[in-house]
Amino acid sequence: MNSKPHLPSSAPRNYGDAYELACKRLAAIDDIAAQCRQSGAQYRVKDSRTEITIQYLNRSYLITLPDITVSQVDSAEEVPVRDKLLILHYFISAKGTPAANRLITFRELPEGSVYFPTFSQRTIKPLLNRFGKEPNLLLEAGIKLGGSKVDLGDTALTINAFCRVPISIILWQGDDELAPQGSILFDDTIADYLPTEDITVLCEVITWKLIRS
């Protein structure tokens, strides 16, 4: 088995300003209970504090108000700002749209065609480098993220990144004449839950969690 690649040194990004803006947007929501219904999150008020429990990559996270913190349930491990931002953006953006059960490519997302080369470089290429010749390892890694096998391509799995954001990763193994190929597909409703930029970041997070598992 090949050694596991390391996350490129260029990966860390400054999410501070975006996180502060997301906190302001969350604080401005008048009906938190309704937003919980739209996002599939759980909601309760405890000691004058609002607690929102949300599922993200097979783990439970807690958003608290009014102080606005994001923490992992039953863990003292610090949540990276990148992940906090994804969680807040999903919760804030969720429209509650029922799943269309129609898969689309990244190019079909708003401005997806423009950003596809970047998306492919940050997600599909690393996945092919790691799993292209050993696609069975993709399934093993995906199970740890709560993924399940689906009947697409030669090897494929679907991971529920959030309650209403299924993401399907498909590999074609290739042969002596054709190099391995890969694709990442989304339910047609994903733009009602995350903007295209966040979808890129989310898929990159998933990619490196799979590679490092």
C-alpha atoms as a PDB file:
ATOM      1  CA  MET A   1       0.000   0.000   0.000  1.00  0.00           C
ATOM      2  CA  ASN A   2       1.271   3.470  -0.822  1.00  0.00           C
ATOM      3  CA  SER A   3       2.139   5.859   1.978  1.00  0.00           C
ATOM      4  CA  LYS A   4      -0.549   8.413   2.694  1.00  0.00           C
ATOM      5  CA  PRO A   5      -0.042  11.809   1.066  1.00  0.00           C
ATOM      6  CA  HIS A   6       0.190  14.924   3.198  1.00  0.00           C
ATOM      7  CA  LEU A   7      -2.104  17.903   2.873  1.00  0.00           C
ATOM      8  CA  PRO A   8      -0.354  20.500   0.660  1.00  0.00           C
ATOM      9  CA  SER A   9       1.294  23.311   2.597  1.00  0.00           C
ATOM     10  CA  SER A  10      -0.765  25.840   0.641  1.00  0.00           C
ATOM     11  CA  ALA A  11      -4.015  24.457   2.079  1.00  0.00           C
ATOM     12  CA  PRO A  12      -4.383  26.565   5.267  1.00  0.00           C
ATOM     13  CA  ARG A  13      -6.448  29.676   4.566  1.00  0.00           C
ATOM     14  CA  ASN A  14      -7.545  32.725   6.519  1.00  0.00           C
ATOM     15  CA  TYR A  15     -11.203  32.179   7.359  1.00  0.00           C
ATOM     16  CA  GLY A  16     -11.368  34.685  10.229  1.00  0.00           C
ATOM     17  CA  ASP A  17     -13.287  37.484   8.513  1.00  0.00           C
ATOM     18  CA  ALA A  18     -15.718  35.064   6.877  1.00  0.00           C
ATOM     19  CA  TYR A  19     -16.371  33.402  10.225  1.00  0.00           C
ATOM     20  CA  GLU A  20     -17.139  36.717  11.918  1.00  0.00           C
ATOM     21  CA  LEU A  21     -19.577  37.564   9.119  1.00  0.00           C
ATOM     22  CA  ALA A  22     -21.250  34.152   9.450  1.00  0.00           C
ATOM     23  CA  CYS A  23     -21.694  34.739  13.200  1.00  0.00           C
ATOM     24  CA  LYS A  24     -23.394  38.077  12.475  1.00  0.00           C
ATOM     25  CA  ARG A  25     -25.706  36.415   9.945  1.00  0.00           C
ATOM     26  CA  LEU A  26     -26.596  33.711  12.467  1.00  0.00           C
ATOM     27  CA  ALA A  27     -27.311  36.279  15.176  1.00  0.00           C
ATOM     28  CA  ALA A  28     -29.676  38.075  12.781  1.00  0.00           C
ATOM     29  CA  ILE A  29     -31.929  35.028  12.250  1.00  0.00           C
ATOM     30  CA  ASP A  30     -35.275  35.702  13.925  1.00  0.00           C
ATOM     31  CA  ASP A  31     -36.692  32.167  13.925  1.00  0.00           C
ATOM     32  CA  ILE A  32     -33.958  29.711  14.911  1.00  0.00           C
ATOM     33  CA  ALA A  33     -36.460  26.865  15.325  1.00  0.00           C
ATOM     34  CA  ALA A  34     -37.611  27.268  11.714  1.00  0.00           C
ATOM     35  CA  GLN A  35     -34.023  27.318  10.494  1.00  0.00           C
ATOM     36  CA  CYS A  36     -33.374  24.112  12.418  1.00  0.00           C
ATOM     37  CA  ARG A  37     -36.266  22.468  10.610  1.00  0.00           C
ATOM     38  CA  GLN A  38     -34.908  23.613   7.269  1.00  0.00           C
ATOM     39  CA  SER A  39     -31.421  22.299   7.987  1.00  0.00           C
ATOM     40  CA  GLY A  40     -32.420  19.112   9.799  1.00  0.00           C
ATOM     41  CA  ALA A  41     -30.733  20.293  13.009  1.00  0.00           C
ATOM     42  CA  GLN A  42     -31.986  19.714  16.548  1.00  0.00           C
ATOM     43  CA  TYR A  43     -32.877  22.638  18.773  1.00  0.00           C
ATOM     44  CA  ARG A  44     -33.374  23.329  22.474  1.00  0.00           C
ATOM     45  CA  VAL A  45     -33.142  26.189  24.970  1.00  0.00           C
ATOM     46  CA  LYS A  46     -31.172  25.502  28.133  1.00  0.00           C
ATOM     47  CA  ASP A  47     -30.471  28.046  30.898  1.00  0.00           C
ATOM     48  CA  SER A  48     -31.263  31.012  28.605  1.00  0.00           C
ATOM     49  CA  ARG A  49     -28.887  29.572  26.014  1.00  0.00           C
ATOM     50  CA  THR A  50     -29.957  28.230  22.630  1.00  0.00           C
ATOM     51  CA  GLU A  51     -28.311  24.980  21.577  1.00  0.00           C
ATOM     52  CA  ILE A  52     -28.338  23.683  18.005  1.00  0.00           C
ATOM     53  CA  THR A  53     -27.065  20.170  17.307  1.00  0.00           C
ATOM     54  CA  ILE A  54     -26.036  19.498  13.743  1.00  0.00           C
ATOM     55  CA  GLN A  55     -24.527  16.455  12.006  1.00  0.00           C
ATOM     56  CA  TYR A  56     -21.373  17.038   9.978  1.00  0.00           C
ATOM     57  CA  LEU A  57     -19.314  14.230   8.448  1.00  0.00           C
ATOM     58  CA  ASN A  58     -20.664  11.552  10.761  1.00  0.00           C
ATOM     59  CA  ARG A  59     -20.117  13.572  13.939  1.00  0.00           C
ATOM     60  CA  SER A  60     -22.347  15.783  16.096  1.00  0.00           C
ATOM     61  CA  TYR A  61     -21.539  19.447  16.576  1.00  0.00           C
ATOM     62  CA  LEU A  62     -23.076  22.007  18.909  1.00  0.00           C
ATOM     63  CA  ILE A  63     -23.785  25.625  17.958  1.00  0.00           C
ATOM     64  CA  THR A  64     -24.643  27.829  20.932  1.00  0.00           C
ATOM     65  CA  LEU A  65     -26.334  31.210  21.063  1.00  0.00           C
ATOM     66  CA  PRO A  66     -26.136  34.042  21.949  1.00  0.00           C
ATOM     67  CA  ASP A  67     -22.367  33.752  22.417  1.00  0.00           C
ATOM     68  CA  ILE A  68     -22.074  31.739  19.166  1.00  0.00           C
ATOM     69  CA  THR A  69     -19.627  28.922  19.641  1.00  0.00           C
ATOM     70  CA  VAL A  70     -19.172  25.774  17.577  1.00  0.00           C
ATOM     71  CA  SER A  71     -17.889  22.678  19.367  1.00  0.00           C
ATOM     72  CA  GLN A  72     -17.838  18.950  18.879  1.00  0.00           C
ATOM     73  CA  VAL A  73     -20.289  16.997  21.023  1.00  0.00           C
ATOM     74  CA  ASP A  74     -18.597  14.684  23.556  1.00  0.00           C
ATOM     75  CA  SER A  75     -15.131  15.900  22.591  1.00  0.00           C
ATOM     76  CA  ALA A  76     -12.796  18.618  23.826  1.00  0.00           C
ATOM     77  CA  GLU A  77     -11.002  18.682  20.478  1.00  0.00           C
ATOM     78  CA  GLU A  78     -10.915  22.174  18.980  1.00  0.00           C
ATOM     79  CA  VAL A  79     -12.941  22.522  15.786  1.00  0.00           C
ATOM     80  CA  PRO A  80     -10.914  24.092  12.934  1.00  0.00           C
ATOM     81  CA  VAL A  81     -12.253  27.485  11.832  1.00  0.00           C
ATOM     82  CA  ARG A  82     -12.727  26.093   8.319  1.00  0.00           C
ATOM     83  CA  ASP A  83     -15.121  23.460   9.650  1.00  0.00           C
ATOM     84  CA  LYS A  84     -16.897  25.946  11.912  1.00  0.00           C
ATOM     85  CA  LEU A  85     -17.487  28.124   8.883  1.00  0.00           C
ATOM     86  CA  LEU A  86     -18.876  25.261   6.810  1.00  0.00           C
ATOM     87  CA  ILE A  87     -21.224  24.294   9.639  1.00  0.00           C
ATOM     88  CA  LEU A  88     -22.491  27.853  10.088  1.00  0.00           C
ATOM     89  CA  HIS A  89     -22.877  28.432   6.352  1.00  0.00           C
ATOM     90  CA  TYR A  90     -24.876  25.234   5.963  1.00  0.00           C
ATOM     91  CA  PHE A  91     -27.167  26.139   8.844  1.00  0.00           C
ATOM     92  CA  ILE A  92     -27.649  29.743   7.701  1.00  0.00           C
ATOM     93  CA  SER A  93     -28.147  28.878   4.024  1.00  0.00           C
ATOM     94  CA  ALA A  94     -30.442  25.841   4.388  1.00  0.00           C
ATOM     95  CA  LYS A  95     -33.753  26.360   2.593  1.00  0.00           C
ATOM     96  CA  GLY A  96     -35.300  23.019   3.534  1.00  0.00           C
ATOM     97  CA  THR A  97     -35.715  21.986  -0.103  1.00  0.00           C
ATOM     98  CA  PRO A  98     -36.584  18.267  -0.432  1.00  0.00           C
ATOM     99  CA  ALA A  99     -33.986  16.117  -2.183  1.00  0.00           C
ATOM    100  CA  ALA A 100     -34.464  16.042  -5.948  1.00  0.00           C
ATOM    101  CA  ASN A 101     -32.780  12.634  -6.265  1.00  0.00           C
ATOM    102  CA  ARG A 102     -31.146  13.896  -9.461  1.00  0.00           C
ATOM    103  CA  LEU A 103     -27.371  13.993  -9.556  1.00  0.00           C
ATOM    104  CA  ILE A 104     -25.487  16.924 -11.031  1.00  0.00           C
ATOM    105  CA  THR A 105     -21.808  17.662 -11.631  1.00  0.00           C
ATOM    106  CA  PHE A 106     -19.803  20.536 -10.227  1.00  0.00           C
ATOM    107  CA  ARG A 107     -19.980  22.262 -13.603  1.00  0.00           C
ATOM    108  CA  GLU A 108     -23.764  22.512 -13.206  1.00  0.00           C
ATOM    109  CA  LEU A 109     -23.471  24.551 -10.011  1.00  0.00           C
ATOM    110  CA  PRO A 110     -23.615  28.368 -10.121  1.00  0.00           C
ATOM    111  CA  GLU A 111     -20.277  29.451 -11.700  1.00  0.00           C
ATOM    112  CA  GLY A 112     -19.226  25.810 -11.528  1.00  0.00           C
ATOM    113  CA  SER A 113     -17.791  25.774 -15.037  1.00  0.00           C
ATOM    114  CA  VAL A 114     -15.513  28.693 -14.173  1.00  0.00           C
ATOM    115  CA  TYR A 115     -14.188  27.119 -10.986  1.00  0.00           C
ATOM    116  CA  PHE A 116     -14.095  23.491 -12.104  1.00  0.00           C
ATOM    117  CA  PRO A 117     -10.327  23.420 -12.867  1.00  0.00           C
ATOM    118  CA  THR A 118      -9.611  24.544  -9.277  1.00  0.00           C
ATOM    119  CA  PHE A 119     -12.172  22.120  -7.887  1.00  0.00           C
ATOM    120  CA  SER A 120     -10.717  19.231  -9.852  1.00  0.00           C
ATOM    121  CA  GLN A 121      -7.156  20.045  -8.799  1.00  0.00           C
ATOM    122  CA  ARG A 122      -8.109  20.207  -5.120  1.00  0.00           C
ATOM    123  CA  THR A 123     -10.395  17.156  -4.994  1.00  0.00           C
ATOM    124  CA  ILE A 124     -10.567  14.749  -7.918  1.00  0.00           C
ATOM    125  CA  LYS A 125      -6.846  14.699  -8.679  1.00  0.00           C
ATOM    126  CA  PRO A 126      -5.778  13.841  -5.087  1.00  0.00           C
ATOM    127  CA  LEU A 127      -8.471  11.153  -4.909  1.00  0.00           C
ATOM    128  CA  LEU A 128      -7.215   9.568  -8.116  1.00  0.00           C
ATOM    129  CA  ASN A 129      -3.608   9.752  -6.940  1.00  0.00           C
ATOM    130  CA  ARG A 130      -4.535   7.903  -3.746  1.00  0.00           C
ATOM    131  CA  PHE A 131      -7.307   5.535  -4.813  1.00  0.00           C
ATOM    132  CA  GLY A 132      -7.139   5.285  -8.607  1.00  0.00           C
ATOM    133  CA  LYS A 133      -5.233   2.005  -8.542  1.00  0.00           C
ATOM    134  CA  GLU A 134      -6.800   0.711  -5.317  1.00  0.00           C
ATOM    135  CA  PRO A 135     -10.464   1.807  -5.462  1.00  0.00           C
ATOM    136  CA  ASN A 136     -11.501  -0.697  -2.797  1.00  0.00           C
ATOM    137  CA  LEU A 137      -9.605   1.439  -0.287  1.00  0.00           C
ATOM    138  CA  LEU A 138     -11.949   4.336  -1.052  1.00  0.00           C
ATOM    139  CA  LEU A 139     -14.882   2.324   0.276  1.00  0.00           C
ATOM    140  CA  GLU A 140     -12.978   1.351   3.409  1.00  0.00           C
ATOM    141  CA  ALA A 141     -12.108   4.985   4.080  1.00  0.00           C
ATOM    142  CA  GLY A 142     -15.606   6.219   3.276  1.00  0.00           C
ATOM    143  CA  ILE A 143     -17.289   3.966   5.812  1.00  0.00           C
ATOM    144  CA  LYS A 144     -15.416   5.832   8.557  1.00  0.00           C
ATOM    145  CA  LEU A 145     -17.173   9.023   7.431  1.00  0.00           C
ATOM    146  CA  GLY A 146     -20.551   7.311   7.465  1.00  0.00           C
ATOM    147  CA  GLY A 147     -20.504   6.683   3.726  1.00  0.00           C
ATOM    148  CA  SER A 148     -22.296   3.884   1.941  1.00  0.00           C
ATOM    149  CA  LYS A 149     -21.568   2.073  -1.313  1.00  0.00           C
ATOM    150  CA  VAL A 150     -23.641   3.062  -4.347  1.00  0.00           C
ATOM    151  CA  ASP A 151     -23.950   1.523  -7.787  1.00  0.00           C
ATOM    152  CA  LEU A 152     -22.092   4.078  -9.917  1.00  0.00           C
ATOM    153  CA  GLY A 153     -18.909   3.774 -11.974  1.00  0.00           C
ATOM    154  CA  ASP A 154     -16.543   0.972 -10.974  1.00  0.00           C
ATOM    155  CA  THR A 155     -16.450   2.048  -7.314  1.00  0.00           C
ATOM    156  CA  ALA A 156     -18.580   4.704  -5.657  1.00  0.00           C
ATOM    157  CA  LEU A 157     -19.872   5.847  -2.308  1.00  0.00           C
ATOM    158  CA  THR A 158     -22.200   8.513  -0.991  1.00  0.00           C
ATOM    159  CA  ILE A 159     -21.320  10.512   2.111  1.00  0.00           C
ATOM    160  CA  ASN A 160     -23.900  12.659   3.881  1.00  0.00           C
ATOM    161  CA  ALA A 161     -21.669  15.628   4.609  1.00  0.00           C
ATOM    162  CA  PHE A 162     -24.654  17.305   6.271  1.00  0.00           C
ATOM    163  CA  CYS A 163     -28.161  16.013   6.846  1.00  0.00           C
ATOM    164  CA  ARG A 164     -29.330  17.331   3.472  1.00  0.00           C
ATOM    165  CA  VAL A 165     -26.057  17.397   1.538  1.00  0.00           C
ATOM    166  CA  PRO A 166     -25.239  13.962   0.095  1.00  0.00           C
ATOM    167  CA  ILE A 167     -22.012  13.850  -1.890  1.00  0.00           C
ATOM    168  CA  SER A 168     -21.206  10.943  -4.218  1.00  0.00           C
ATOM    169  CA  ILE A 169     -17.642  10.072  -5.184  1.00  0.00           C
ATOM    170  CA  ILE A 170     -17.211   7.843  -8.241  1.00  0.00           C
ATOM    171  CA  LEU A 171     -14.081   6.145  -9.588  1.00  0.00           C
ATOM    172  CA  TRP A 172     -13.400   4.315 -12.839  1.00  0.00           C
ATOM    173  CA  GLN A 173     -10.349   2.135 -12.403  1.00  0.00           C
ATOM    174  CA  GLY A 174      -8.976   2.370 -15.952  1.00  0.00           C
ATOM    175  CA  ASP A 175      -6.790  -0.146 -17.719  1.00  0.00           C
ATOM    176  CA  ASP A 176      -3.583  -0.376 -19.751  1.00  0.00           C
ATOM    177  CA  GLU A 177      -4.915   2.151 -22.245  1.00  0.00           C
ATOM    178  CA  LEU A 178      -7.042   4.451 -20.087  1.00  0.00           C
ATOM    179  CA  ALA A 179      -5.967   6.242 -16.919  1.00  0.00           C
ATOM    180  CA  PRO A 180      -8.262   6.065 -13.867  1.00  0.00           C
ATOM    181  CA  GLN A 181     -11.044   8.644 -13.888  1.00  0.00           C
ATOM    182  CA  GLY A 182     -13.117  10.174 -11.132  1.00  0.00           C
ATOM    183  CA  SER A 183     -16.079  12.417 -10.496  1.00  0.00           C
ATOM    184  CA  ILE A 184     -17.951  14.000  -7.593  1.00  0.00           C
ATOM    185  CA  LEU A 185     -21.710  14.395  -7.930  1.00  0.00           C
ATOM    186  CA  PHE A 186     -24.314  16.279  -5.913  1.00  0.00           C
ATOM    187  CA  ASP A 187     -28.058  16.292  -5.450  1.00  0.00           C
ATOM    188  CA  ASP A 188     -29.608  18.962  -7.631  1.00  0.00           C
ATOM    189  CA  THR A 189     -30.684  20.868  -4.489  1.00  0.00           C
ATOM    190  CA  ILE A 190     -27.198  21.421  -3.043  1.00  0.00           C
ATOM    191  CA  ALA A 191     -27.130  25.108  -4.039  1.00  0.00           C
ATOM    192  CA  ASP A 192     -30.065  25.588  -1.629  1.00  0.00           C
ATOM    193  CA  TYR A 193     -27.738  24.586   1.207  1.00  0.00           C
ATOM    194  CA  LEU A 194     -24.233  25.802   0.341  1.00  0.00           C
ATOM    195  CA  PRO A 195     -22.656  28.273  -2.085  1.00  0.00           C
ATOM    196  CA  THR A 196     -20.292  26.923  -4.731  1.00  0.00           C
ATOM    197  CA  GLU A 197     -17.156  28.110  -2.937  1.00  0.00           C
ATOM    198  CA  ASP A 198     -18.152  26.234   0.220  1.00  0.00           C
ATOM    199  CA  ILE A 199     -18.938  23.124  -1.804  1.00  0.00           C
ATOM    200  CA  THR A 200     -15.354  23.200  -3.082  1.00  0.00           C
ATOM    201  CA  VAL A 201     -13.973  23.536   0.443  1.00  0.00           C
ATOM    202  CA  LEU A 202     -16.281  20.811   1.756  1.00  0.00           C
ATOM    203  CA  CYS A 203     -15.220  18.377  -0.966  1.00  0.00           C
ATOM    204  CA  GLU A 204     -11.587  19.175  -0.249  1.00  0.00           C
ATOM    205  CA  VAL A 205     -12.144  18.434   3.445  1.00  0.00           C
ATOM    206  CA  ILE A 206     -13.767  15.121   2.552  1.00  0.00           C
ATOM    207  CA  THR A 207     -10.986  14.299   0.087  1.00  0.00           C
ATOM    208  CA  TRP A 208      -8.242  14.669   2.671  1.00  0.00           C
ATOM    209  CA  LYS A 209     -10.178  12.890   5.393  1.00  0.00           C
ATOM    210  CA  LEU A 210     -10.507   9.928   3.010  1.00  0.00           C
ATOM    211  CA  ILE A 211      -6.849  10.061   2.023  1.00  0.00           C
ATOM    212  CA  ARG A 212      -5.615  10.294   5.613  1.00  0.00           C
ATOM    213  CA  SER A 213      -7.883   7.573   7.016  1.00  0.00           C
END
